[in-house]
Amino acid sequence: AVWTVLATATDPQGADTLEAIVDGGVQVSQGGVEVGRYSLSCAVVDLDSADCTGTFVAFGDGTSCGDATSYSIVVEAEDEDGNRGASAPVTGREE
């Protein structure tokens, strides 16, 4: 299964200061333990915000989409100065 994470990022100095690619910008945890980090891609929408996407293949441990709610995901956008801002954890869901 393929997981997709969608988020909107903002920066006080303007969305154009956000990095287009954030290595490790998608953090996936299960039971409070980090199980993976994946790249995040952000595209500026307007001066205030950017749309960000992260896509990764399901874990090799037999995890199915039905197990999605056992995972939490945090998205971290980064600006040109290297400052990262993290979202609140979001629970995975099957679609």
N, C-alpha and C. Protein backbone atom coordinates (compact mmCIF):
# COMPACT_ATOMS: atom_id res chain seq x y z
N ALA A 1 0.84 -1.18 0.00
CA ALA A 1 0.00 0.00 0.00
C ALA A 1 0.88 1.24 0.00
N VAL A 2 0.38 2.30 -0.58
CA VAL A 2 1.08 3.57 -0.63
C VAL A 2 0.39 4.54 0.32
N TRP A 3 1.15 5.23 1.14
CA TRP A 3 0.63 6.23 2.07
C TRP A 3 0.91 7.60 1.46
N THR A 4 -0.04 8.51 1.60
CA THR A 4 0.13 9.88 1.14
C THR A 4 -0.24 10.83 2.27
N VAL A 5 0.60 11.82 2.49
CA VAL A 5 0.39 12.83 3.51
C VAL A 5 0.24 14.18 2.80
N LEU A 6 -0.83 14.90 3.11
CA LEU A 6 -1.06 16.23 2.55
C LEU A 6 -1.12 17.24 3.68
N ALA A 7 -0.46 18.39 3.51
CA ALA A 7 -0.45 19.41 4.54
C ALA A 7 -0.32 20.79 3.91
N THR A 8 -0.67 21.80 4.66
CA THR A 8 -0.46 23.19 4.26
C THR A 8 0.54 23.79 5.24
N ALA A 9 1.56 24.46 4.70
CA ALA A 9 2.59 25.07 5.54
C ALA A 9 2.58 26.58 5.36
N THR A 10 2.91 27.29 6.44
CA THR A 10 3.04 28.75 6.39
C THR A 10 4.34 29.15 7.06
N ASP A 11 4.79 30.37 6.78
CA ASP A 11 5.98 30.90 7.43
C ASP A 11 5.76 32.39 7.64
N PRO A 12 6.11 32.91 8.82
CA PRO A 12 5.89 34.34 9.09
C PRO A 12 6.58 35.26 8.09
N GLN A 13 7.66 34.79 7.47
CA GLN A 13 8.38 35.60 6.49
C GLN A 13 7.88 35.40 5.07
N GLY A 14 6.85 34.57 4.91
CA GLY A 14 6.28 34.29 3.60
C GLY A 14 6.55 32.87 3.15
N ALA A 15 5.59 32.31 2.45
CA ALA A 15 5.70 30.91 2.01
C ALA A 15 6.86 30.71 1.04
N ASP A 16 7.28 31.77 0.36
CA ASP A 16 8.38 31.63 -0.59
C ASP A 16 9.72 31.37 0.10
N THR A 17 9.76 31.44 1.44
CA THR A 17 10.99 31.12 2.18
C THR A 17 11.04 29.65 2.58
N LEU A 18 9.99 28.89 2.30
CA LEU A 18 9.96 27.47 2.65
C LEU A 18 10.75 26.66 1.63
N GLU A 19 11.46 25.65 2.12
CA GLU A 19 12.22 24.77 1.25
C GLU A 19 11.26 23.91 0.42
N ALA A 20 11.63 23.65 -0.83
CA ALA A 20 10.78 22.84 -1.71
C ALA A 20 10.82 21.36 -1.31
N ILE A 21 11.98 20.89 -0.87
CA ILE A 21 12.14 19.49 -0.44
C ILE A 21 12.69 19.49 0.98
N VAL A 22 12.04 18.75 1.87
CA VAL A 22 12.50 18.63 3.25
C VAL A 22 12.81 17.16 3.50
N ASP A 23 14.10 16.85 3.60
CA ASP A 23 14.52 15.48 3.88
C ASP A 23 14.06 15.10 5.28
N GLY A 24 13.34 14.02 5.42
CA GLY A 24 12.85 13.58 6.73
C GLY A 24 11.71 14.42 7.26
N GLY A 25 11.02 15.13 6.37
CA GLY A 25 9.94 16.03 6.79
C GLY A 25 8.64 15.34 7.18
N VAL A 26 8.54 14.05 6.92
CA VAL A 26 7.36 13.27 7.34
C VAL A 26 7.86 12.23 8.34
N GLN A 27 7.42 12.37 9.58
CA GLN A 27 7.83 11.44 10.64
C GLN A 27 6.65 10.53 10.97
N VAL A 28 6.88 9.23 10.91
CA VAL A 28 5.84 8.25 11.20
C VAL A 28 6.21 7.50 12.47
N SER A 29 5.25 7.41 13.41
CA SER A 29 5.47 6.73 14.68
C SER A 29 4.36 5.72 14.94
N GLN A 30 4.68 4.70 15.70
CA GLN A 30 3.70 3.73 16.16
C GLN A 30 3.96 3.48 17.63
N GLY A 31 2.94 3.69 18.45
CA GLY A 31 3.09 3.50 19.89
C GLY A 31 4.14 4.42 20.50
N GLY A 32 4.30 5.62 19.93
CA GLY A 32 5.26 6.58 20.45
C GLY A 32 6.69 6.34 20.00
N VAL A 33 6.92 5.34 19.15
CA VAL A 33 8.26 5.02 18.66
C VAL A 33 8.34 5.36 17.17
N GLU A 34 9.33 6.16 16.81
CA GLU A 34 9.50 6.51 15.40
C GLU A 34 9.86 5.27 14.59
N VAL A 35 9.11 5.06 13.49
CA VAL A 35 9.36 3.90 12.64
C VAL A 35 9.86 4.29 11.26
N GLY A 36 9.83 5.58 10.95
CA GLY A 36 10.34 6.01 9.65
C GLY A 36 10.25 7.51 9.45
N ARG A 37 11.12 8.02 8.57
CA ARG A 37 11.10 9.42 8.14
C ARG A 37 11.20 9.43 6.63
N TYR A 38 10.41 10.30 6.01
CA TYR A 38 10.33 10.35 4.56
C TYR A 38 10.37 11.80 4.10
N SER A 39 10.71 12.00 2.84
CA SER A 39 10.82 13.34 2.28
C SER A 39 9.45 14.00 2.15
N LEU A 40 9.47 15.33 2.27
CA LEU A 40 8.29 16.17 2.11
C LEU A 40 8.58 17.14 0.99
N SER A 41 7.63 17.31 0.10
CA SER A 41 7.76 18.24 -1.02
C SER A 41 6.74 19.36 -0.84
N CYS A 42 7.18 20.62 -0.91
CA CYS A 42 6.28 21.77 -0.72
C CYS A 42 6.32 22.68 -1.94
N ALA A 43 5.14 23.12 -2.37
CA ALA A 43 5.02 24.04 -3.51
C ALA A 43 4.23 25.27 -3.04
N VAL A 44 4.80 26.45 -3.29
CA VAL A 44 4.16 27.70 -2.88
C VAL A 44 2.85 27.88 -3.63
N VAL A 45 1.78 28.17 -2.88
CA VAL A 45 0.46 28.42 -3.46
C VAL A 45 0.28 29.93 -3.64
N ASP A 46 0.61 30.68 -2.60
CA ASP A 46 0.52 32.13 -2.62
C ASP A 46 1.51 32.67 -1.58
N LEU A 47 1.49 33.95 -1.32
CA LEU A 47 2.46 34.52 -0.38
C LEU A 47 2.34 33.96 1.02
N ASP A 48 1.16 33.44 1.37
CA ASP A 48 0.92 32.98 2.74
C ASP A 48 1.11 31.49 2.98
N SER A 49 0.98 30.66 1.94
CA SER A 49 0.98 29.22 2.21
C SER A 49 1.59 28.40 1.08
N ALA A 50 1.95 27.17 1.45
CA ALA A 50 2.47 26.19 0.50
C ALA A 50 1.75 24.88 0.74
N ASP A 51 1.49 24.15 -0.34
CA ASP A 51 0.92 22.81 -0.24
C ASP A 51 2.07 21.82 -0.19
N CYS A 52 2.03 20.91 0.78
CA CYS A 52 3.11 19.95 0.97
C CYS A 52 2.57 18.53 0.85
N THR A 53 3.39 17.65 0.27
CA THR A 53 3.01 16.26 0.05
C THR A 53 4.16 15.33 0.39
N GLY A 54 3.84 14.25 1.03
CA GLY A 54 4.81 13.19 1.27
C GLY A 54 4.16 11.86 0.91
N THR A 55 4.87 11.02 0.18
CA THR A 55 4.34 9.72 -0.24
C THR A 55 5.39 8.66 0.07
N PHE A 56 4.95 7.54 0.61
CA PHE A 56 5.87 6.46 0.91
C PHE A 56 5.14 5.13 0.85
N VAL A 57 5.91 4.07 0.63
CA VAL A 57 5.35 2.73 0.54
C VAL A 57 5.15 2.19 1.96
N ALA A 58 4.08 1.43 2.14
CA ALA A 58 3.79 0.84 3.46
C ALA A 58 4.99 0.06 3.96
N PHE A 59 5.07 -0.05 5.25
CA PHE A 59 6.20 -0.69 5.91
C PHE A 59 6.30 -2.16 5.53
N GLY A 60 7.50 -2.70 5.50
CA GLY A 60 7.74 -4.08 5.08
C GLY A 60 7.42 -5.12 6.13
N ASP A 61 6.72 -4.73 7.20
CA ASP A 61 6.44 -5.69 8.27
C ASP A 61 5.05 -6.30 8.17
N GLY A 62 4.43 -6.21 6.99
CA GLY A 62 3.10 -6.77 6.82
C GLY A 62 1.99 -5.81 7.19
N THR A 63 2.32 -4.57 7.47
CA THR A 63 1.32 -3.56 7.82
C THR A 63 0.33 -3.39 6.68
N SER A 64 -0.93 -3.37 7.01
CA SER A 64 -1.95 -3.15 6.00
C SER A 64 -2.62 -1.81 6.25
N CYS A 65 -3.42 -1.37 5.29
CA CYS A 65 -4.14 -0.11 5.47
C CYS A 65 -5.10 -0.20 6.65
N GLY A 66 -5.55 -1.37 6.98
CA GLY A 66 -6.44 -1.55 8.12
C GLY A 66 -5.76 -1.23 9.45
N ASP A 67 -4.43 -1.21 9.45
CA ASP A 67 -3.66 -0.87 10.65
C ASP A 67 -3.36 0.63 10.75
N ALA A 68 -3.87 1.42 9.82
CA ALA A 68 -3.50 2.83 9.71
C ALA A 68 -3.69 3.61 11.01
N THR A 69 -4.73 3.32 11.76
CA THR A 69 -5.00 4.10 12.97
C THR A 69 -3.99 3.85 14.08
N SER A 70 -3.13 2.85 13.93
CA SER A 70 -2.10 2.61 14.95
C SER A 70 -0.86 3.48 14.72
N TYR A 71 -0.88 4.29 13.67
CA TYR A 71 0.26 5.15 13.34
C TYR A 71 -0.11 6.61 13.53
N SER A 72 0.90 7.41 13.92
CA SER A 72 0.72 8.85 13.96
C SER A 72 1.79 9.48 13.07
N ILE A 73 1.42 10.60 12.47
CA ILE A 73 2.29 11.26 11.50
C ILE A 73 2.47 12.72 11.90
N VAL A 74 3.71 13.19 11.85
CA VAL A 74 4.04 14.59 12.09
C VAL A 74 4.72 15.10 10.83
N VAL A 75 4.28 16.27 10.36
CA VAL A 75 4.87 16.90 9.19
C VAL A 75 5.73 18.06 9.66
N GLU A 76 6.96 18.14 9.14
CA GLU A 76 7.88 19.22 9.49
C GLU A 76 8.29 19.98 8.24
N ALA A 77 7.85 21.24 8.11
CA ALA A 77 8.29 22.11 7.03
C ALA A 77 9.55 22.84 7.49
N GLU A 78 10.36 23.28 6.54
CA GLU A 78 11.62 23.96 6.88
C GLU A 78 11.78 25.20 6.02
N ASP A 79 12.26 26.30 6.64
CA ASP A 79 12.47 27.51 5.86
C ASP A 79 13.93 27.61 5.41
N GLU A 80 14.22 28.65 4.63
CA GLU A 80 15.55 28.80 4.05
C GLU A 80 16.65 29.00 5.09
N ASP A 81 16.29 29.36 6.32
CA ASP A 81 17.26 29.52 7.40
C ASP A 81 17.48 28.23 8.18
N GLY A 82 16.79 27.15 7.80
CA GLY A 82 16.94 25.87 8.48
C GLY A 82 16.02 25.68 9.68
N ASN A 83 15.12 26.63 9.90
CA ASN A 83 14.16 26.50 11.01
C ASN A 83 13.04 25.56 10.61
N ARG A 84 12.74 24.61 11.48
CA ARG A 84 11.66 23.65 11.21
C ARG A 84 10.47 23.94 12.10
N GLY A 85 9.29 23.78 11.52
CA GLY A 85 8.06 23.87 12.27
C GLY A 85 7.32 22.56 12.11
N ALA A 86 6.84 22.00 13.20
CA ALA A 86 6.19 20.68 13.17
C ALA A 86 4.70 20.80 13.42
N SER A 87 3.94 19.97 12.74
CA SER A 87 2.50 19.89 12.96
C SER A 87 2.22 19.12 14.24
N ALA A 88 1.01 19.19 14.70
CA ALA A 88 0.56 18.29 15.76
C ALA A 88 0.47 16.89 15.15
N PRO A 89 0.66 15.84 15.94
CA PRO A 89 0.52 14.49 15.40
C PRO A 89 -0.88 14.23 14.87
N VAL A 90 -0.95 13.55 13.74
CA VAL A 90 -2.22 13.19 13.11
C VAL A 90 -2.28 11.66 13.04
N THR A 91 -3.42 11.09 13.38
CA THR A 91 -3.60 9.64 13.33
C THR A 91 -3.86 9.21 11.89
N GLY A 92 -3.19 8.12 11.47
CA GLY A 92 -3.40 7.59 10.13
C GLY A 92 -4.82 7.09 9.95
N ARG A 93 -5.25 7.06 8.69
CA ARG A 93 -6.59 6.55 8.39
C ARG A 93 -6.57 5.90 7.00
N GLU A 94 -7.44 4.93 6.86
CA GLU A 94 -7.56 4.20 5.59
C GLU A 94 -8.56 4.91 4.71
N GLU A 95 -8.22 5.05 3.44
CA GLU A 95 -9.18 5.64 2.46
C GLU A 95 -9.30 4.75 1.27
